[in-house]
Amino acid sequence: MTKPLHTEIPLNPHVAGLPPYNAGMNIAVARLQSGRQDIAALASNENPDGCSPDVAAALANLEPSRYSDHACTALRAALSQRLGVTSDRIVAGNGSEEMIAAICRAVLRPGSVVATVCPGFGLHEIEALANGARVEKVGMRPELDFDIPAMTAILERAPEIFFLSSPSNPVGPALDREGLTRILAAVSHETLLVLDEAYFEFTNEDTPDALAALSATNLAWVILRTFSKAYGLAGLRVGYAVTSDVRLARAMSAAKTPFNVNAAAQAAAVAALNDEAWMQSSVARLKRERARVADAVAAMGLSAARSQTNFLFIDVGLESRTAFDHFLANGIIVKPWKEEGYGTFIRVTIGTPLENDRFLKALRDLLRT
């Protein structure tokens, strides 16, 4: 007897055709595919120093049988004190990715327009498309910096949301004072400006304070930050949004799931936030390593964007998947970039000095092939 075909129910067309997210390869998968155990995971911008010792102490006191605080009260209070923003304008999420999804659900309708930068963070596009929006992109300048005139031009068309990561993911530069001023002047009152500052802690001392600048305007805005990078909590998934007003924060909170930040993540984030000295020491070391690796890459004659993050965006001069395979064979995971026009670029995380030396040796070997 022939087995009947499964019924194919209609799918949400906005979701069915979404592009895949370009995630970094998992270490276990890399070991399986490369046959090597000594994997240098340099694709996902994790902190190679781990996290503050205070985090382990905080996690030891958890009661796993109890639900987490769905309002993240202690975490939002700690962030409120640190940032000088009332806690009712702060929303915590399961990574800043959930905050991006909540923004899109709260603001967008089918046919809305979202503007963003290319190359960019994939979820700025994916979550917009999932909510039926049309996405328009602004390219970076040839020297891999922000194209401020192009961004101000697209802002003149008043998209519902403008997503901008600064420092840029995957490229690396941060807005300077003039660039930020021109962007803020171009944002209309019909546009929600979302400034994704996932790499905020790695910026230079002269980088403008975007939170202060936005707070001085009457625009609608959201700043996104995360504990995944500088604080070393990538595996626990906790990020947050600072909003321009309480109404926006409430809409975002309504658009996310309850108990979205688990108890371990909340406790770890509070502990990490309270050990600022550990984070600053780690960031200082990574910035020194970033400069060392960037100088070595430049000495090979390769183009790497200036970076205020914990990674480098490098044009290796050949198809990025070919480069990825070469590095994987050497036990190194990098991220091959796939956006149109950037198919010869890889993004590599700044790791430990030993990991960085392994990467540089493999890069030299790649250039000899």
Protein backbone atom coordinates (compact mmCIF):
# COMPACT_ATOMS: atom_id res chain seq x y z
CA MET A 1 0.00 0.00 0.00
CA THR A 2 1.39 3.38 -1.01
CA LYS A 3 1.98 5.71 1.92
CA PRO A 4 -0.12 8.87 1.51
CA LEU A 5 1.66 12.16 1.07
CA HIS A 6 1.70 14.49 4.04
CA THR A 7 -0.63 17.43 3.79
CA GLU A 8 1.29 20.61 3.04
CA ILE A 9 -0.31 23.39 5.03
CA PRO A 10 0.33 26.97 3.89
CA LEU A 11 3.35 28.56 5.53
CA ASN A 12 3.85 32.20 6.43
CA PRO A 13 5.44 33.51 3.21
CA HIS A 14 7.44 36.09 5.15
CA VAL A 15 9.16 33.31 7.10
CA ALA A 16 9.30 30.49 4.54
CA GLY A 17 11.74 32.30 2.29
CA LEU A 18 14.05 33.84 4.87
CA PRO A 19 17.79 33.71 4.16
CA PRO A 20 19.78 31.54 6.61
CA TYR A 21 21.73 33.19 9.40
CA ASN A 22 25.50 32.97 8.87
CA ALA A 23 26.46 31.37 12.19
CA GLY A 24 30.00 30.44 13.17
CA MET A 25 30.89 26.75 13.14
CA ASN A 26 30.59 24.90 16.45
CA ILE A 27 33.83 23.53 17.95
CA ALA A 28 32.50 19.96 18.08
CA VAL A 29 31.56 20.12 14.40
CA ALA A 30 34.97 21.57 13.55
CA ARG A 31 36.70 18.70 15.33
CA LEU A 32 34.58 16.21 13.42
CA GLN A 33 35.18 17.78 10.02
CA SER A 34 38.86 18.62 10.46
CA GLY A 35 39.94 15.55 12.39
CA ARG A 36 41.79 17.83 14.81
CA GLN A 37 41.22 18.35 18.52
CA ASP A 38 43.19 21.59 18.94
CA ILE A 39 40.56 23.96 17.56
CA ALA A 40 41.01 27.74 17.66
CA ALA A 41 37.44 29.08 17.58
CA LEU A 42 37.84 32.47 15.90
CA ALA A 43 34.49 32.87 14.13
CA SER A 44 31.94 34.04 16.70
CA ASN A 45 33.72 36.89 18.52
CA GLU A 46 33.67 35.18 21.91
CA ASN A 47 35.98 36.38 24.68
CA PRO A 48 38.96 33.97 24.90
CA ASP A 49 39.53 35.07 28.51
CA GLY A 50 36.21 33.56 29.55
CA CYS A 51 34.33 35.62 32.13
CA SER A 52 34.79 37.16 35.56
CA PRO A 53 35.41 34.67 38.42
CA ASP A 54 32.48 36.35 40.18
CA VAL A 55 30.14 34.73 37.65
CA ALA A 56 30.90 31.20 38.89
CA ALA A 57 30.19 32.27 42.47
CA ALA A 58 26.85 33.77 41.43
CA LEU A 59 25.84 30.64 39.55
CA ALA A 60 26.60 28.43 42.56
CA ASN A 61 23.66 29.95 44.45
CA LEU A 62 21.01 29.24 41.80
CA GLU A 63 17.79 27.34 42.43
CA PRO A 64 17.14 25.66 39.07
CA SER A 65 13.67 24.48 40.14
CA ARG A 66 12.43 28.08 40.33
CA TYR A 67 11.37 30.24 37.42
CA SER A 68 13.51 33.24 36.64
CA ASP A 69 12.27 36.77 37.31
CA HIS A 70 10.37 37.49 34.09
CA ALA A 71 10.98 41.25 34.54
CA CYS A 72 14.77 40.90 35.14
CA THR A 73 14.35 43.34 38.03
CA ALA A 74 17.82 43.06 39.56
CA LEU A 75 19.60 43.20 36.21
CA ARG A 76 17.61 46.19 34.98
CA ALA A 77 18.22 47.97 38.30
CA ALA A 78 21.97 47.37 37.99
CA LEU A 79 21.95 48.63 34.41
CA SER A 80 19.86 51.65 35.42
CA GLN A 81 22.43 52.64 38.03
CA ARG A 82 25.32 52.11 35.62
CA LEU A 83 23.77 53.97 32.66
CA GLY A 84 21.82 56.71 34.42
CA VAL A 85 18.58 55.63 32.71
CA THR A 86 15.39 54.71 34.55
CA SER A 87 14.82 50.96 34.64
CA ASP A 88 11.40 51.25 32.97
CA ARG A 89 13.23 52.24 29.76
CA ILE A 90 15.46 49.14 29.82
CA VAL A 91 14.41 45.79 28.34
CA ALA A 92 16.45 42.61 28.83
CA GLY A 93 16.43 39.75 26.37
CA ASN A 94 17.79 36.34 25.42
CA GLY A 95 20.73 37.98 23.70
CA SER A 96 20.43 41.24 21.78
CA GLU A 97 19.07 39.08 18.94
CA GLU A 98 15.78 38.74 20.81
CA MET A 99 15.70 42.50 21.22
CA ILE A 100 15.99 42.89 17.44
CA ALA A 101 13.06 40.51 16.97
CA ALA A 102 11.01 42.34 19.61
CA ILE A 103 11.65 45.70 17.95
CA CYS A 104 10.49 44.37 14.59
CA ARG A 105 7.37 42.75 16.06
CA ALA A 106 6.51 45.90 17.98
CA VAL A 107 7.00 48.38 15.13
CA LEU A 108 6.69 46.78 11.70
CA ARG A 109 3.69 45.93 9.54
CA PRO A 110 3.64 44.21 6.14
CA GLY A 111 4.98 46.69 3.61
CA SER A 112 7.07 48.66 6.10
CA VAL A 113 10.55 49.71 5.03
CA VAL A 114 13.66 48.90 7.05
CA ALA A 115 17.03 50.38 6.15
CA THR A 116 20.37 48.96 7.19
CA VAL A 117 24.01 48.77 6.14
CA CYS A 118 25.75 46.21 3.93
CA PRO A 119 27.74 44.26 4.91
CA GLY A 120 25.85 44.01 8.15
CA PHE A 121 24.52 41.86 10.96
CA GLY A 122 22.21 39.32 9.34
CA LEU A 123 19.39 39.55 11.86
CA HIS A 124 18.83 43.22 11.10
CA GLU A 125 17.58 41.98 7.73
CA ILE A 126 16.15 38.57 8.68
CA GLU A 127 13.89 39.79 11.48
CA ALA A 128 12.62 42.64 9.33
CA LEU A 129 11.77 40.27 6.48
CA ALA A 130 10.06 37.88 8.91
CA ASN A 131 7.63 40.67 9.76
CA GLY A 132 6.78 41.44 6.14
CA ALA A 133 9.01 44.49 5.75
CA ARG A 134 11.05 45.47 2.71
CA VAL A 135 14.76 45.92 3.41
CA GLU A 136 16.91 48.56 1.74
CA LYS A 137 20.67 48.51 2.21
CA VAL A 138 23.41 51.12 2.16
CA GLY A 139 26.87 49.90 1.19
CA MET A 140 30.08 50.74 3.01
CA ARG A 141 32.62 52.97 1.31
CA PRO A 142 35.40 51.27 -0.71
CA GLU A 143 37.83 51.95 2.14
CA LEU A 144 35.45 50.02 4.44
CA ASP A 145 34.06 52.92 6.40
CA PHE A 146 30.53 54.27 6.83
CA ASP A 147 29.06 56.08 3.83
CA ILE A 148 27.46 58.93 5.75
CA PRO A 149 25.99 60.74 2.69
CA ALA A 150 24.35 57.52 1.50
CA MET A 151 22.93 56.83 4.96
CA THR A 152 21.54 60.35 5.33
CA ALA A 153 19.98 60.02 1.85
CA ILE A 154 18.14 56.83 2.76
CA LEU A 155 17.03 58.38 6.06
CA GLU A 156 15.40 61.21 4.10
CA ARG A 157 12.94 58.59 2.80
CA ALA A 158 11.81 57.96 6.41
CA PRO A 159 12.05 54.17 6.76
CA GLU A 160 10.14 52.76 9.70
CA ILE A 161 13.39 51.45 11.22
CA PHE A 162 17.05 52.17 10.55
CA PHE A 163 19.35 49.48 11.96
CA LEU A 164 22.97 50.53 12.31
CA SER A 165 25.69 48.64 14.16
CA SER A 166 28.42 50.89 15.52
CA PRO A 167 31.02 49.53 15.84
CA SER A 168 30.09 47.81 12.62
CA ASN A 169 29.56 44.08 12.55
CA PRO A 170 31.19 42.59 10.47
CA VAL A 171 33.47 45.44 9.35
CA GLY A 172 34.69 47.06 12.56
CA PRO A 173 34.66 50.88 12.45
CA ALA A 174 32.58 53.02 14.82
CA LEU A 175 30.85 56.28 14.03
CA ASP A 176 32.96 59.32 14.82
CA ARG A 177 31.45 62.47 16.30
CA GLU A 178 30.77 64.12 12.94
CA GLY A 179 29.19 60.98 11.51
CA LEU A 180 26.92 60.49 14.51
CA THR A 181 25.87 64.14 14.44
CA ARG A 182 24.96 63.95 10.74
CA ILE A 183 23.00 60.72 11.22
CA LEU A 184 20.99 62.16 14.11
CA ALA A 185 20.23 65.29 12.10
CA ALA A 186 18.91 63.17 9.22
CA VAL A 187 16.59 60.91 11.26
CA SER A 188 12.95 61.92 10.90
CA HIS A 189 10.28 61.60 13.58
CA GLU A 190 8.72 58.76 11.56
CA THR A 191 11.85 56.58 11.89
CA LEU A 192 13.01 54.45 14.80
CA LEU A 193 16.80 54.59 14.99
CA VAL A 194 18.25 51.34 16.34
CA LEU A 195 21.93 51.65 17.19
CA ASP A 196 23.40 48.20 17.77
CA GLU A 197 26.37 48.62 20.12
CA ALA A 198 27.24 44.96 20.71
CA TYR A 199 30.96 45.89 20.66
CA PHE A 200 30.62 49.12 22.60
CA GLU A 201 33.20 48.15 25.25
CA PHE A 202 35.94 47.79 22.60
CA THR A 203 35.67 51.34 21.24
CA ASN A 204 38.40 53.97 21.46
CA GLU A 205 38.34 56.63 24.16
CA ASP A 206 37.51 59.37 21.64
CA THR A 207 34.44 57.54 20.29
CA PRO A 208 31.36 59.70 20.98
CA ASP A 209 28.87 58.71 23.68
CA ALA A 210 25.88 57.76 21.56
CA LEU A 211 23.61 57.24 24.57
CA ALA A 212 24.23 60.81 25.72
CA ALA A 213 23.81 62.17 22.19
CA LEU A 214 20.53 60.33 21.62
CA SER A 215 19.22 61.29 25.05
CA ALA A 216 19.61 64.96 24.08
CA THR A 217 17.23 64.54 21.11
CA ASN A 218 13.46 64.05 20.87
CA LEU A 219 13.85 61.16 18.41
CA ALA A 220 12.58 57.61 18.84
CA TRP A 221 15.58 55.36 19.40
CA VAL A 222 16.90 52.11 20.84
CA ILE A 223 20.47 51.24 21.81
CA LEU A 224 21.29 47.52 21.90
CA ARG A 225 24.10 46.04 23.98
CA THR A 226 25.11 42.55 25.06
CA PHE A 227 26.99 40.58 27.68
CA SER A 228 28.16 38.07 25.06
CA LYS A 229 31.33 39.81 23.90
CA ALA A 230 33.39 41.83 26.38
CA TYR A 231 31.82 40.20 29.45
CA GLY A 232 32.30 36.67 28.11
CA LEU A 233 28.75 35.35 28.60
CA ALA A 234 27.98 34.26 25.02
CA GLY A 235 26.75 30.82 26.09
CA LEU A 236 24.21 32.21 28.56
CA ARG A 237 22.52 34.60 26.09
CA VAL A 238 21.70 37.92 27.71
CA GLY A 239 21.49 41.32 26.08
CA TYR A 240 19.50 44.48 26.66
CA ALA A 241 17.91 47.48 25.01
CA VAL A 242 17.89 51.07 26.25
CA THR A 243 14.90 52.90 24.79
CA SER A 244 14.01 56.53 24.25
CA ASP A 245 10.72 56.23 26.15
CA VAL A 246 8.66 53.96 28.36
CA ARG A 247 5.99 53.35 25.71
CA LEU A 248 8.55 51.82 23.37
CA ALA A 249 10.02 49.68 26.16
CA ARG A 250 6.57 48.37 27.03
CA ALA A 251 5.85 47.46 23.40
CA MET A 252 9.13 45.58 23.12
CA SER A 253 8.46 43.75 26.39
CA ALA A 254 5.04 42.69 25.13
CA ALA A 255 6.59 41.39 21.90
CA LYS A 256 8.97 38.94 23.56
CA THR A 257 8.33 35.69 25.39
CA PRO A 258 7.91 35.55 29.20
CA PHE A 259 10.82 34.21 31.27
CA ASN A 260 12.98 34.92 28.23
CA VAL A 261 16.20 35.49 30.21
CA ASN A 262 16.88 32.43 32.33
CA ALA A 263 17.92 32.66 35.98
CA ALA A 264 21.53 31.68 35.29
CA ALA A 265 21.90 34.39 32.68
CA GLN A 266 20.42 37.05 34.95
CA ALA A 267 22.66 36.15 37.89
CA ALA A 268 25.73 35.95 35.68
CA ALA A 269 25.04 39.30 34.02
CA VAL A 270 24.66 41.12 37.36
CA ALA A 271 27.88 39.56 38.65
CA ALA A 272 29.75 40.40 35.45
CA LEU A 273 28.48 43.97 35.47
CA ASN A 274 29.68 44.41 39.05
CA ASP A 275 33.20 43.26 38.15
CA GLU A 276 34.01 46.06 35.74
CA ALA A 277 37.73 45.79 36.46
CA TRP A 278 37.89 42.24 35.06
CA MET A 279 36.11 43.28 31.87
CA GLN A 280 38.29 46.34 31.32
CA SER A 281 41.48 44.33 31.83
CA SER A 282 40.34 41.72 29.32
CA VAL A 283 39.31 44.35 26.77
CA ALA A 284 42.67 46.14 27.10
CA ARG A 285 44.54 42.91 26.37
CA LEU A 286 42.33 42.09 23.39
CA LYS A 287 42.80 45.58 21.96
CA ARG A 288 46.58 45.17 22.16
CA GLU A 289 46.32 41.82 20.40
CA ARG A 290 43.98 43.34 17.80
CA ALA A 291 46.62 45.94 16.94
CA ARG A 292 49.34 43.30 16.74
CA VAL A 293 47.34 41.04 14.44
CA ALA A 294 46.22 43.99 12.27
CA ASP A 295 49.84 45.07 11.81
CA ALA A 296 50.84 41.53 10.82
CA VAL A 297 47.99 41.30 8.32
CA ALA A 298 48.95 44.64 6.79
CA ALA A 299 52.56 43.48 6.52
CA MET A 300 51.31 40.65 4.29
CA GLY A 301 49.86 43.22 1.92
CA LEU A 302 46.25 42.43 2.77
CA SER A 303 43.39 44.87 3.30
CA ALA A 304 41.77 44.83 6.73
CA ALA A 305 39.21 47.36 7.90
CA ARG A 306 40.06 49.55 10.88
CA SER A 307 38.40 47.94 13.87
CA GLN A 308 36.98 49.05 17.20
CA THR A 309 35.77 45.54 17.99
CA ASN A 310 37.33 42.21 18.97
CA PHE A 311 37.64 41.03 15.36
CA LEU A 312 39.13 41.93 11.98
CA PHE A 313 37.42 41.95 8.58
CA ILE A 314 40.03 40.90 6.02
CA ASP A 315 40.02 40.67 2.24
CA VAL A 316 42.07 37.52 1.60
CA GLY A 317 41.86 37.90 -2.18
CA LEU A 318 40.18 34.57 -2.90
CA GLU A 319 36.78 32.98 -2.40
CA SER A 320 35.99 33.08 1.31
CA ARG A 321 34.78 29.48 1.43
CA THR A 322 38.12 28.32 0.02
CA ALA A 323 39.86 30.30 2.76
CA PHE A 324 37.52 28.83 5.38
CA ASP A 325 38.35 25.29 4.28
CA HIS A 326 42.09 26.06 4.48
CA PHE A 327 41.82 27.43 8.02
CA LEU A 328 39.59 24.56 9.14
CA ALA A 329 42.15 22.04 7.89
CA ASN A 330 44.58 23.83 10.23
CA GLY A 331 42.18 23.59 13.18
CA ILE A 332 41.04 27.22 12.98
CA ILE A 333 37.44 28.39 12.61
CA VAL A 334 36.94 31.74 10.87
CA LYS A 335 33.75 33.15 9.39
CA PRO A 336 33.59 33.35 5.59
CA TRP A 337 31.51 36.34 4.53
CA LYS A 338 28.71 35.63 2.07
CA GLU A 339 27.07 38.96 1.26
CA GLU A 340 27.27 40.03 -2.36
CA GLY A 341 30.36 42.09 -3.08
CA TYR A 342 32.24 40.77 -0.06
CA GLY A 343 32.78 37.15 -1.06
CA THR A 344 36.57 37.37 -0.63
CA PHE A 345 36.36 38.57 2.99
CA ILE A 346 36.67 36.63 6.22
CA ARG A 347 35.93 37.82 9.74
CA VAL A 348 38.35 36.57 12.39
CA THR A 349 37.99 36.95 16.14
CA ILE A 350 40.93 38.14 18.22
CA GLY A 351 41.81 35.14 20.39
CA THR A 352 44.65 34.31 22.73
CA PRO A 353 48.18 35.21 21.58
CA LEU A 354 48.80 31.55 20.70
CA GLU A 355 45.56 31.32 18.70
CA ASN A 356 46.37 34.56 16.91
CA ASP A 357 49.84 33.27 16.00
CA ARG A 358 48.27 30.08 14.61
CA PHE A 359 45.91 32.18 12.51
CA LEU A 360 48.71 34.37 11.15
CA LYS A 361 50.82 31.34 10.21
CA ALA A 362 47.86 29.73 8.44
CA LEU A 363 47.15 33.01 6.66
CA ARG A 364 50.73 33.20 5.40
CA ASP A 365 50.44 29.62 4.18
CA LEU A 366 47.18 30.46 2.42
CA LEU A 367 48.83 33.29 0.53
CA ARG A 368 51.58 30.96 -0.68
CA THR A 369 49.10 28.53 -2.28
